[in-house]
C-alpha atoms as a PDB file:
ATOM      1  CA  UNK A   1      -4.177   5.037  53.706  1.00  0.00           C
ATOM      2  CA  UNK A   2      -1.992   8.549  54.320  1.00  0.00           C
ATOM      3  CA  UNK A   3       1.532   8.886  54.467  1.00  0.00           C
ATOM      4  CA  UNK A   4       2.854   8.427  57.890  1.00  0.00           C
ATOM      5  CA  UNK A   5       0.287   4.413  57.246  1.00  0.00           C
ATOM      6  CA  UNK A   6       2.219   3.975  54.072  1.00  0.00           C
ATOM      7  CA  UNK A   7       5.622   4.182  56.180  1.00  0.00           C
ATOM      8  CA  UNK A   8       4.987   2.461  58.678  1.00  0.00           C
ATOM      9  CA  UNK A   9       3.296  -0.540  56.415  1.00  0.00           C
ATOM     10  CA  UNK A  10       6.901  -0.452  54.640  1.00  0.00           C
ATOM     11  CA  UNK A  11       8.890  -0.275  57.710  1.00  0.00           C
ATOM     12  CA  UNK A  12       6.641  -3.367  59.126  1.00  0.00           C
ATOM     13  CA  UNK A  13       6.988  -5.279  55.954  1.00  0.00           C
ATOM     14  CA  UNK A  14      10.636  -4.515  55.733  1.00  0.00           C
ATOM     15  CA  UNK A  15      10.754  -5.292  59.339  1.00  0.00           C
ATOM     16  CA  UNK A  16       8.641  -9.117  58.607  1.00  0.00           C
ATOM     17  CA  UNK A  17      11.268 -10.267  55.860  1.00  0.00           C
ATOM     18  CA  UNK A  18      14.586  -9.155  57.699  1.00  0.00           C
ATOM     19  CA  UNK A  19      13.226 -11.044  60.576  1.00  0.00           C
ATOM     20  CA  UNK A  20      12.016 -14.086  58.636  1.00  0.00           C
ATOM     21  CA  UNK A  21      15.755 -13.625  57.034  1.00  0.00           C
ATOM     22  CA  UNK A  22      17.428 -13.546  60.586  1.00  0.00           C
ATOM     23  CA  UNK A  23      15.142 -16.625  61.934  1.00  0.00           C
ATOM     24  CA  UNK A  24      16.487 -19.072  58.754  1.00  0.00           C
ATOM     25  CA  UNK A  25      19.564 -20.724  61.028  1.00  0.00           C
ATOM     26  CA  UNK A  26      17.373 -21.075  63.860  1.00  0.00           C
ATOM     27  CA  UNK A  27      14.804 -22.467  61.777  1.00  0.00           C
ATOM     28  CA  UNK A  28      16.806 -24.929  60.017  1.00  0.00           C
ATOM     29  CA  UNK A  29      18.693 -26.287  63.714  1.00  0.00           C
ATOM     30  CA  UNK A  30      15.221 -26.471  65.844  1.00  0.00           C
ATOM     31  CA  UNK A  31      14.609 -28.594  62.609  1.00  0.00           C
ATOM     32  CA  UNK A  32      17.174 -30.806  62.715  1.00  0.00           C
ATOM     33  CA  UNK A  33      17.655 -30.015  58.948  1.00  0.00           C
ATOM     34  CA  UNK A  34      18.270 -28.153  56.137  1.00  0.00           C
ATOM     35  CA  UNK A  35      16.685 -27.989  53.194  1.00  0.00           C
ATOM     36  CA  UNK A  36      19.101 -27.778  49.716  1.00  0.00           C
ATOM     37  CA  UNK A  37      18.268 -27.195  46.275  1.00  0.00           C
ATOM     38  CA  UNK A  38      20.741 -29.224  43.418  1.00  0.00           C
ATOM     39  CA  UNK A  39      21.064 -30.029  39.765  1.00  0.00           C
ATOM     40  CA  UNK A  40      22.387 -32.361  39.787  1.00  0.00           C
ATOM     41  CA  UNK A  41      23.867 -32.316  35.925  1.00  0.00           C
ATOM     42  CA  UNK A  42      27.563 -30.898  36.515  1.00  0.00           C
ATOM     43  CA  UNK A  43      29.956 -33.233  36.891  1.00  0.00           C
ATOM     44  CA  UNK A  44      32.396 -33.514  38.745  1.00  0.00           C
ATOM     45  CA  UNK A  45      31.063 -30.878  41.008  1.00  0.00           C
ATOM     46  CA  UNK A  46      27.089 -32.565  41.078  1.00  0.00           C
ATOM     47  CA  UNK A  47      25.915 -35.696  39.878  1.00  0.00           C
ATOM     48  CA  UNK A  48      24.211 -38.726  39.716  1.00  0.00           C
ATOM     49  CA  UNK A  49      25.687 -42.358  40.479  1.00  0.00           C
ATOM     50  CA  UNK A  50      23.901 -45.157  41.676  1.00  0.00           C
ATOM     51  CA  UNK A  51      20.611 -43.363  42.131  1.00  0.00           C
ATOM     52  CA  UNK A  52      22.788 -40.861  44.316  1.00  0.00           C
ATOM     53  CA  UNK A  53      23.556 -37.287  44.387  1.00  0.00           C
ATOM     54  CA  UNK A  54      27.110 -37.331  44.168  1.00  0.00           C
ATOM     55  CA  UNK A  55      30.305 -35.054  43.249  1.00  0.00           C
ATOM     56  CA  UNK A  56      32.843 -32.641  44.935  1.00  0.00           C
ATOM     57  CA  UNK A  57      29.703 -30.759  45.972  1.00  0.00           C
ATOM     58  CA  UNK A  58      28.188 -33.718  48.165  1.00  0.00           C
ATOM     59  CA  UNK A  59      31.142 -33.988  50.046  1.00  0.00           C
ATOM     60  CA  UNK A  60      31.229 -30.189  50.795  1.00  0.00           C
ATOM     61  CA  UNK A  61      27.436 -30.266  51.727  1.00  0.00           C
ATOM     62  CA  UNK A  62      28.401 -33.593  54.052  1.00  0.00           C
ATOM     63  CA  UNK A  63      31.574 -30.500  55.823  1.00  0.00           C
ATOM     64  CA  UNK A  64      28.171 -28.427  55.913  1.00  0.00           C
ATOM     65  CA  UNK A  65      25.672 -30.628  57.841  1.00  0.00           C
ATOM     66  CA  UNK A  66      28.042 -31.824  60.241  1.00  0.00           C
ATOM     67  CA  UNK A  67      29.096 -28.590  61.515  1.00  0.00           C
ATOM     68  CA  UNK A  68      25.357 -27.509  61.497  1.00  0.00           C
ATOM     69  CA  UNK A  69      24.256 -30.324  63.304  1.00  0.00           C
ATOM     70  CA  UNK A  70      22.079 -30.960  61.131  1.00  0.00           C
ATOM     71  CA  UNK A  71      20.472 -33.268  58.492  1.00  0.00           C
ATOM     72  CA  UNK A  72      19.927 -33.331  54.544  1.00  0.00           C
ATOM     73  CA  UNK A  73      17.297 -32.882  52.675  1.00  0.00           C
ATOM     74  CA  UNK A  74      18.379 -32.453  48.791  1.00  0.00           C
ATOM     75  CA  UNK A  75      16.296 -31.793  45.823  1.00  0.00           C
ATOM     76  CA  UNK A  76      17.415 -32.231  42.748  1.00  0.00           C
ATOM     77  CA  UNK A  77      16.208 -29.822  40.294  1.00  0.00           C
ATOM     78  CA  UNK A  78      16.431 -28.079  36.792  1.00  0.00           C
ATOM     79  CA  UNK A  79      19.134 -25.152  36.732  1.00  0.00           C
ATOM     80  CA  UNK A  80      16.641 -22.682  34.685  1.00  0.00           C
ATOM     81  CA  UNK A  81      14.205 -22.020  38.152  1.00  0.00           C
ATOM     82  CA  UNK A  82      16.945 -23.273  40.916  1.00  0.00           C
ATOM     83  CA  UNK A  83      17.400 -19.385  42.625  1.00  0.00           C
ATOM     84  CA  UNK A  84      13.830 -18.072  42.137  1.00  0.00           C
ATOM     85  CA  UNK A  85      12.866 -21.258  44.075  1.00  0.00           C
ATOM     86  CA  UNK A  86      15.283 -20.111  46.256  1.00  0.00           C
ATOM     87  CA  UNK A  87      13.753 -16.330  46.711  1.00  0.00           C
ATOM     88  CA  UNK A  88      10.490 -17.829  46.691  1.00  0.00           C
ATOM     89  CA  UNK A  89      11.532 -19.700  50.210  1.00  0.00           C
ATOM     90  CA  UNK A  90      11.145 -22.848  49.273  1.00  0.00           C
ATOM     91  CA  UNK A  91      14.443 -24.393  50.635  1.00  0.00           C
ATOM     92  CA  UNK A  92      17.493 -22.639  52.180  1.00  0.00           C
ATOM     93  CA  UNK A  93      20.011 -22.507  50.116  1.00  0.00           C
ATOM     94  CA  UNK A  94      21.322 -23.725  46.731  1.00  0.00           C
ATOM     95  CA  UNK A  95      24.200 -25.589  46.982  1.00  0.00           C
ATOM     96  CA  UNK A  96      24.835 -26.564  43.584  1.00  0.00           C
ATOM     97  CA  UNK A  97      28.158 -25.022  41.868  1.00  0.00           C
ATOM     98  CA  UNK A  98      27.380 -21.079  40.522  1.00  0.00           C
ATOM     99  CA  UNK A  99      28.950 -18.626  39.194  1.00  0.00           C
ATOM    100  CA  UNK A 100      29.490 -15.823  40.383  1.00  0.00           C
ATOM    101  CA  UNK A 101      28.144 -12.198  38.328  1.00  0.00           C
ATOM    102  CA  UNK A 102      27.346  -8.948  39.010  1.00  0.00           C
ATOM    103  CA  UNK A 103      23.155  -9.667  37.986  1.00  0.00           C
ATOM    104  CA  UNK A 104      22.995 -12.451  40.472  1.00  0.00           C
ATOM    105  CA  UNK A 105      25.157 -11.221  43.266  1.00  0.00           C
ATOM    106  CA  UNK A 106      22.521  -7.978  42.991  1.00  0.00           C
ATOM    107  CA  UNK A 107      19.491  -9.828  43.902  1.00  0.00           C
ATOM    108  CA  UNK A 108      21.703 -13.000  45.817  1.00  0.00           C
ATOM    109  CA  UNK A 109      23.742 -13.774  48.751  1.00  0.00           C
ATOM    110  CA  UNK A 110      26.833 -15.818  47.738  1.00  0.00           C
ATOM    111  CA  UNK A 111      28.727 -18.383  50.493  1.00  0.00           C
ATOM    112  CA  UNK A 112      33.273 -17.643  49.934  1.00  0.00           C
ATOM    113  CA  UNK A 113      33.915 -19.517  46.538  1.00  0.00           C
ATOM    114  CA  UNK A 114      34.958 -23.156  46.818  1.00  0.00           C
ATOM    115  CA  UNK A 115      36.365 -23.427  42.919  1.00  0.00           C
ATOM    116  CA  UNK A 116      37.191 -21.242  40.350  1.00  0.00           C
ATOM    117  CA  UNK A 117      36.763 -22.485  36.147  1.00  0.00           C
ATOM    118  CA  UNK A 118      37.620 -20.926  32.873  1.00  0.00           C
ATOM    119  CA  UNK A 119      34.842 -20.450  30.070  1.00  0.00           C
ATOM    120  CA  UNK A 120      36.224 -22.436  26.872  1.00  0.00           C
ATOM    121  CA  UNK A 121      34.929 -23.887  23.566  1.00  0.00           C
ATOM    122  CA  UNK A 122      35.123 -27.442  22.634  1.00  0.00           C
ATOM    123  CA  UNK A 123      34.082 -28.507  19.385  1.00  0.00           C
ATOM    124  CA  UNK A 124      34.149 -31.599  17.699  1.00  0.00           C
ATOM    125  CA  UNK A 125      37.749 -33.510  17.500  1.00  0.00           C
ATOM    126  CA  UNK A 126      38.230 -33.390  13.797  1.00  0.00           C
ATOM    127  CA  UNK A 127      36.816 -29.393  13.297  1.00  0.00           C
ATOM    128  CA  UNK A 128      39.714 -28.076  12.262  1.00  0.00           C
ATOM    129  CA  UNK A 129      37.894 -24.370  11.093  1.00  0.00           C
ATOM    130  CA  UNK A 130      37.786 -23.259  15.010  1.00  0.00           C
ATOM    131  CA  UNK A 131      40.623 -22.826  17.014  1.00  0.00           C
ATOM    132  CA  UNK A 132      39.799 -19.341  18.272  1.00  0.00           C
ATOM    133  CA  UNK A 133      36.245 -17.230  19.915  1.00  0.00           C
ATOM    134  CA  UNK A 134      36.710 -15.485  16.614  1.00  0.00           C
ATOM    135  CA  UNK A 135      35.993 -18.455  14.130  1.00  0.00           C
ATOM    136  CA  UNK A 136      32.695 -18.721  16.493  1.00  0.00           C
ATOM    137  CA  UNK A 137      31.441 -16.184  13.615  1.00  0.00           C
ATOM    138  CA  UNK A 138      28.760 -17.657  11.457  1.00  0.00           C
ATOM    139  CA  UNK A 139      28.266 -20.357  13.396  1.00  0.00           C
ATOM    140  CA  UNK A 140      25.667 -22.534  15.220  1.00  0.00           C
ATOM    141  CA  UNK A 141      26.346 -22.574  18.797  1.00  0.00           C
ATOM    142  CA  UNK A 142      25.206 -23.867  21.927  1.00  0.00           C
ATOM    143  CA  UNK A 143      24.767 -23.527  25.612  1.00  0.00           C
ATOM    144  CA  UNK A 144      22.809 -24.585  28.975  1.00  0.00           C
ATOM    145  CA  UNK A 145      20.327 -21.922  29.328  1.00  0.00           C
ATOM    146  CA  UNK A 146      20.246 -19.919  32.538  1.00  0.00           C
ATOM    147  CA  UNK A 147      23.530 -21.201  33.234  1.00  0.00           C
ATOM    148  CA  UNK A 148      26.270 -18.483  32.929  1.00  0.00           C
ATOM    149  CA  UNK A 149      28.009 -19.607  30.202  1.00  0.00           C
ATOM    150  CA  UNK A 150      24.364 -18.473  28.584  1.00  0.00           C
ATOM    151  CA  UNK A 151      26.057 -14.936  29.626  1.00  0.00           C
ATOM    152  CA  UNK A 152      28.724 -15.628  28.446  1.00  0.00           C
ATOM    153  CA  UNK A 153      27.846 -16.769  24.927  1.00  0.00           C
ATOM    154  CA  UNK A 154      26.176 -13.761  24.255  1.00  0.00           C
ATOM    155  CA  UNK A 155      28.899 -11.557  25.620  1.00  0.00           C
ATOM    156  CA  UNK A 156      31.126 -13.985  22.661  1.00  0.00           C
ATOM    157  CA  UNK A 157      27.338 -13.115  20.336  1.00  0.00           C
ATOM    158  CA  UNK A 158      27.512  -9.488  20.929  1.00  0.00           C
ATOM    159  CA  UNK A 159      31.753  -8.948  20.343  1.00  0.00           C
ATOM    160  CA  UNK A 160      31.731 -10.447  17.416  1.00  0.00           C
ATOM    161  CA  UNK A 161      28.590  -8.480  15.815  1.00  0.00           C
ATOM    162  CA  UNK A 162      30.235  -5.464  16.420  1.00  0.00           C
ATOM    163  CA  UNK A 163      33.055  -7.071  14.323  1.00  0.00           C
ATOM    164  CA  UNK A 164      30.733  -7.856  11.663  1.00  0.00           C
ATOM    165  CA  UNK A 165      29.369 -10.942  12.378  1.00  0.00           C
ATOM    166  CA  UNK A 166      27.786 -13.036  14.986  1.00  0.00           C
ATOM    167  CA  UNK A 167      26.881 -16.352  15.683  1.00  0.00           C
ATOM    168  CA  UNK A 168      24.674 -17.653  13.216  1.00  0.00           C
ATOM    169  CA  UNK A 169      22.582 -19.222  15.887  1.00  0.00           C
ATOM    170  CA  UNK A 170      22.204 -19.679  19.646  1.00  0.00           C
ATOM    171  CA  UNK A 171      20.962 -22.812  21.018  1.00  0.00           C
ATOM    172  CA  UNK A 172      20.384 -23.439  24.543  1.00  0.00           C
ATOM    173  CA  UNK A 173      19.970 -26.577  26.323  1.00  0.00           C
ATOM    174  CA  UNK A 174      18.550 -27.392  29.433  1.00  0.00           C
ATOM    175  CA  UNK A 175      21.630 -29.211  30.663  1.00  0.00           C
ATOM    176  CA  UNK A 176      25.219 -29.595  29.671  1.00  0.00           C
ATOM    177  CA  UNK A 177      25.159 -32.980  29.110  1.00  0.00           C
ATOM    178  CA  UNK A 178      22.604 -32.440  26.763  1.00  0.00           C
ATOM    179  CA  UNK A 179      25.011 -29.686  24.809  1.00  0.00           C
ATOM    180  CA  UNK A 180      27.685 -32.267  24.479  1.00  0.00           C
ATOM    181  CA  UNK A 181      25.246 -34.501  23.067  1.00  0.00           C
ATOM    182  CA  UNK A 182      24.161 -31.261  20.675  1.00  0.00           C
ATOM    183  CA  UNK A 183      27.916 -31.270  19.325  1.00  0.00           C
ATOM    184  CA  UNK A 184      28.030 -34.825  18.490  1.00  0.00           C
ATOM    185  CA  UNK A 185      24.575 -35.154  16.691  1.00  0.00           C
ATOM    186  CA  UNK A 186      26.013 -32.215  14.620  1.00  0.00           C
ATOM    187  CA  UNK A 187      23.279 -29.802  15.969  1.00  0.00           C
ATOM    188  CA  UNK A 188      25.868 -27.061  16.619  1.00  0.00           C
ATOM    189  CA  UNK A 189      29.595 -26.210  15.391  1.00  0.00           C
ATOM    190  CA  UNK A 190      30.446 -25.537  18.903  1.00  0.00           C
ATOM    191  CA  UNK A 191      29.605 -25.282  22.039  1.00  0.00           C
ATOM    192  CA  UNK A 192      30.404 -23.145  25.261  1.00  0.00           C
ATOM    193  CA  UNK A 193      30.849 -24.959  28.985  1.00  0.00           C
ATOM    194  CA  UNK A 194      33.103 -24.812  31.938  1.00  0.00           C
ATOM    195  CA  UNK A 195      36.608 -26.208  31.567  1.00  0.00           C
ATOM    196  CA  UNK A 196      36.073 -28.876  33.890  1.00  0.00           C
ATOM    197  CA  UNK A 197      32.684 -29.881  32.463  1.00  0.00           C
ATOM    198  CA  UNK A 198      35.123 -30.045  28.375  1.00  0.00           C
ATOM    199  CA  UNK A 199      37.427 -32.606  30.323  1.00  0.00           C
ATOM    200  CA  UNK A 200      34.251 -34.907  31.660  1.00  0.00           C
ATOM    201  CA  UNK A 201      32.826 -34.526  28.594  1.00  0.00           C
ATOM    202  CA  UNK A 202      36.550 -35.337  26.157  1.00  0.00           C
ATOM    203  CA  UNK A 203      36.882 -37.986  29.599  1.00  0.00           C
ATOM    204  CA  UNK A 204      33.823 -40.498  28.935  1.00  0.00           C
ATOM    205  CA  UNK A 205      34.170 -39.794  24.685  1.00  0.00           C
ATOM    206  CA  UNK A 206      38.024 -40.448  23.818  1.00  0.00           C
ATOM    207  CA  UNK A 207      38.243 -39.038  20.465  1.00  0.00           C
ATOM    208  CA  UNK A 208      35.035 -37.379  20.060  1.00  0.00           C
ATOM    209  CA  UNK A 209      35.803 -33.231  21.656  1.00  0.00           C
ATOM    210  CA  UNK A 210      38.795 -30.978  21.901  1.00  0.00           C
ATOM    211  CA  UNK A 211      39.114 -27.349  23.257  1.00  0.00           C
ATOM    212  CA  UNK A 212      39.162 -24.799  20.821  1.00  0.00           C
ATOM    213  CA  UNK A 213      39.706 -22.124  22.680  1.00  0.00           C
ATOM    214  CA  UNK A 214      38.573 -19.776  25.865  1.00  0.00           C
ATOM    215  CA  UNK A 215      36.933 -16.326  27.240  1.00  0.00           C
ATOM    216  CA  UNK A 216      37.707 -14.137  29.889  1.00  0.00           C
ATOM    217  CA  UNK A 217      39.115 -14.367  33.264  1.00  0.00           C
ATOM    218  CA  UNK A 218      38.421 -16.948  35.487  1.00  0.00           C
ATOM    219  CA  UNK A 219      34.978 -17.533  37.690  1.00  0.00           C
ATOM    220  CA  UNK A 220      34.808 -17.959  40.872  1.00  0.00           C
ATOM    221  CA  UNK A 221      31.986 -21.174  42.057  1.00  0.00           C
ATOM    222  CA  UNK A 222      29.877 -20.164  44.946  1.00  0.00           C
ATOM    223  CA  UNK A 223      26.616 -21.704  46.954  1.00  0.00           C
ATOM    224  CA  UNK A 224      23.436 -19.204  47.011  1.00  0.00           C
ATOM    225  CA  UNK A 225      21.562 -18.152  49.833  1.00  0.00           C
ATOM    226  CA  UNK A 226      18.845 -15.363  50.284  1.00  0.00           C
ATOM    227  CA  UNK A 227      20.122 -12.168  51.126  1.00  0.00           C
ATOM    228  CA  UNK A 228      20.191 -11.196  55.390  1.00  0.00           C
ATOM    229  CA  UNK A 229      20.982 -14.825  56.602  1.00  0.00           C
ATOM    230  CA  UNK A 230      24.069 -14.086  58.426  1.00  0.00           C
ATOM    231  CA  UNK A 231      23.545 -16.682  60.954  1.00  0.00           C
ATOM    232  CA  UNK A 232      23.911 -19.384  58.031  1.00  0.00           C
ATOM    233  CA  UNK A 233      26.208 -17.618  55.386  1.00  0.00           C
ATOM    234  CA  UNK A 234      28.842 -17.528  57.963  1.00  0.00           C
ATOM    235  CA  UNK A 235      28.463 -20.789  59.990  1.00  0.00           C
ATOM    236  CA  UNK A 236      28.750 -22.401  55.932  1.00  0.00           C
ATOM    237  CA  UNK A 237      31.633 -19.523  54.842  1.00  0.00           C
ATOM    238  CA  UNK A 238      33.538 -20.883  58.263  1.00  0.00           C
ATOM    239  CA  UNK A 239      33.161 -24.668  57.256  1.00  0.00           C
ATOM    240  CA  UNK A 240      35.044 -23.424  54.033  1.00  0.00           C
ATOM    241  CA  UNK A 241      37.836 -21.853  55.677  1.00  0.00           C
ATOM    242  CA  UNK A 242      38.186 -24.440  57.854  1.00  0.00           C
ATOM    243  CA  UNK A 243      39.023 -26.524  54.837  1.00  0.00           C
ATOM    244  CA  UNK A 244      40.751 -24.199  53.513  1.00  0.00           C
ATOM    245  CA  UNK A 245      42.646 -23.742  55.856  1.00  0.00           C
ATOM    246  CA  UNK A 246      43.360 -27.292  57.008  1.00  0.00           C
ATOM    247  CA  UNK A 247      44.056 -27.749  53.248  1.00  0.00           C
ATOM    248  CA  UNK A 248      40.944 -30.556  52.607  1.00  0.00           C
ATOM    249  CA  UNK A 249      39.723 -28.625  50.718  1.00  0.00           C
ATOM    250  CA  UNK A 250      42.444 -28.521  47.715  1.00  0.00           C
ATOM    251  CA  UNK A 251      42.376 -32.431  48.565  1.00  0.00           C
ATOM    252  CA  UNK A 252      38.786 -32.260  47.797  1.00  0.00           C
ATOM    253  CA  UNK A 253      39.576 -30.414  44.509  1.00  0.00           C
ATOM    254  CA  UNK A 254      42.075 -33.054  43.850  1.00  0.00           C
ATOM    255  CA  UNK A 255      39.739 -36.397  44.623  1.00  0.00           C
ATOM    256  CA  UNK A 256      37.245 -35.010  42.416  1.00  0.00           C
ATOM    257  CA  UNK A 257      38.100 -31.850  39.730  1.00  0.00           C
ATOM    258  CA  UNK A 258      41.649 -33.521  39.267  1.00  0.00           C
ATOM    259  CA  UNK A 259      43.356 -30.236  40.231  1.00  0.00           C
ATOM    260  CA  UNK A 260      43.982 -28.232  42.747  1.00  0.00           C
ATOM    261  CA  UNK A 261      41.791 -24.611  42.152  1.00  0.00           C
ATOM    262  CA  UNK A 262      43.000 -21.736  44.589  1.00  0.00           C
ATOM    263  CA  UNK A 263      40.401 -19.048  45.299  1.00  0.00           C
ATOM    264  CA  UNK A 264      39.966 -16.080  47.527  1.00  0.00           C
ATOM    265  CA  UNK A 265      38.658 -15.637  50.922  1.00  0.00           C
ATOM    266  CA  UNK A 266      37.904 -11.920  50.643  1.00  0.00           C
ATOM    267  CA  UNK A 267      37.246  -9.544  48.076  1.00  0.00           C
ATOM    268  CA  UNK A 268      35.478 -12.340  45.285  1.00  0.00           C
ATOM    269  CA  UNK A 269      31.885 -10.281  44.873  1.00  0.00           C
ATOM    270  CA  UNK A 270      31.725  -7.794  42.624  1.00  0.00           C
ATOM    271  CA  UNK A 271      30.533  -3.626  43.027  1.00  0.00           C
ATOM    272  CA  UNK A 272      27.065  -3.552  44.491  1.00  0.00           C
ATOM    273  CA  UNK A 273      26.595  -7.578  45.449  1.00  0.00           C
ATOM    274  CA  UNK A 274      23.827  -7.652  48.224  1.00  0.00           C
ATOM    275  CA  UNK A 275      24.742 -10.577  51.042  1.00  0.00           C
END
C-alpha cells in the first residue's frame, strides 16, 4: 500500500467512525429506543427492588427518555466491563453513576454531573485503631474492582508506602455490597467507598459500621457515552439542565440521596477530556 492509499484509508476510517457516532441519535430516534447499561448495585443511585431497577438514576433516565421520545432497554451488567462494552458498541449509553477522572475522560464522553460524592473510609463500629487515612498503614483494605475508589485506594496505598508503610493488602470485590460483607466478616480492616454508599451500609446494618475519615475532593458523578455524539450528549445535558434549573434535580437528590448536592454546569471535565 503506497503513502497516498494509506492516507486515504486512514481518512476513510476516521470518517466512518465519526459518521457512525454522529448517527447514534438518529438511530435511537428511528428505532424508538435507547439501549443503556446499568450496574444496579450502587444504592441509592441504581439498585434492584422487587425485581426492578430503581433509584435516582432510574428517575433521571425516565426524564431523558421522555425528552428523546423513546423507550428504554436497560441491561444490568457488572461494572468491571461496562465501559468496554460501551466502546464496543453494545449499547448507546452507560446510565450508571460513574465518577469523572482524567483517565476515563481521555477515552469516554461524560454528561454534565447530576450529583457529587466524597470518598470515605469505613470500619467496623467497634474498631478504634483507625481514625484517619494514616491509620490504614499495615491494614487490609477493600474496595470495588474497577471503580473510582480503587484508584483512590491505590493513591492512598502509594502515599502511605512513600511515608514508610502501605496497606498490608488491597482486596478488590465485584460490587460495593461485597465490600460491606467483607468488612462485616473480618476479611478486611477497612473499606473505601462513597459517602452515600457508606450511609446505605449503616442504614441497613445499624451499629455495625462507622465512617473513620474521608480522602480527597468531592467527586462528580455522570453518565458515559462514546465520544463524538454531540446530539445525544446535548439532549441528555439538556434534560439535566432543565431539571437543575427548575429545582427538580435538587428534589430528586433529596428524595433518593437524602441531601441536595450542588453540581457544576460547566468546567467539570479534566484537561485532555474528549467529548
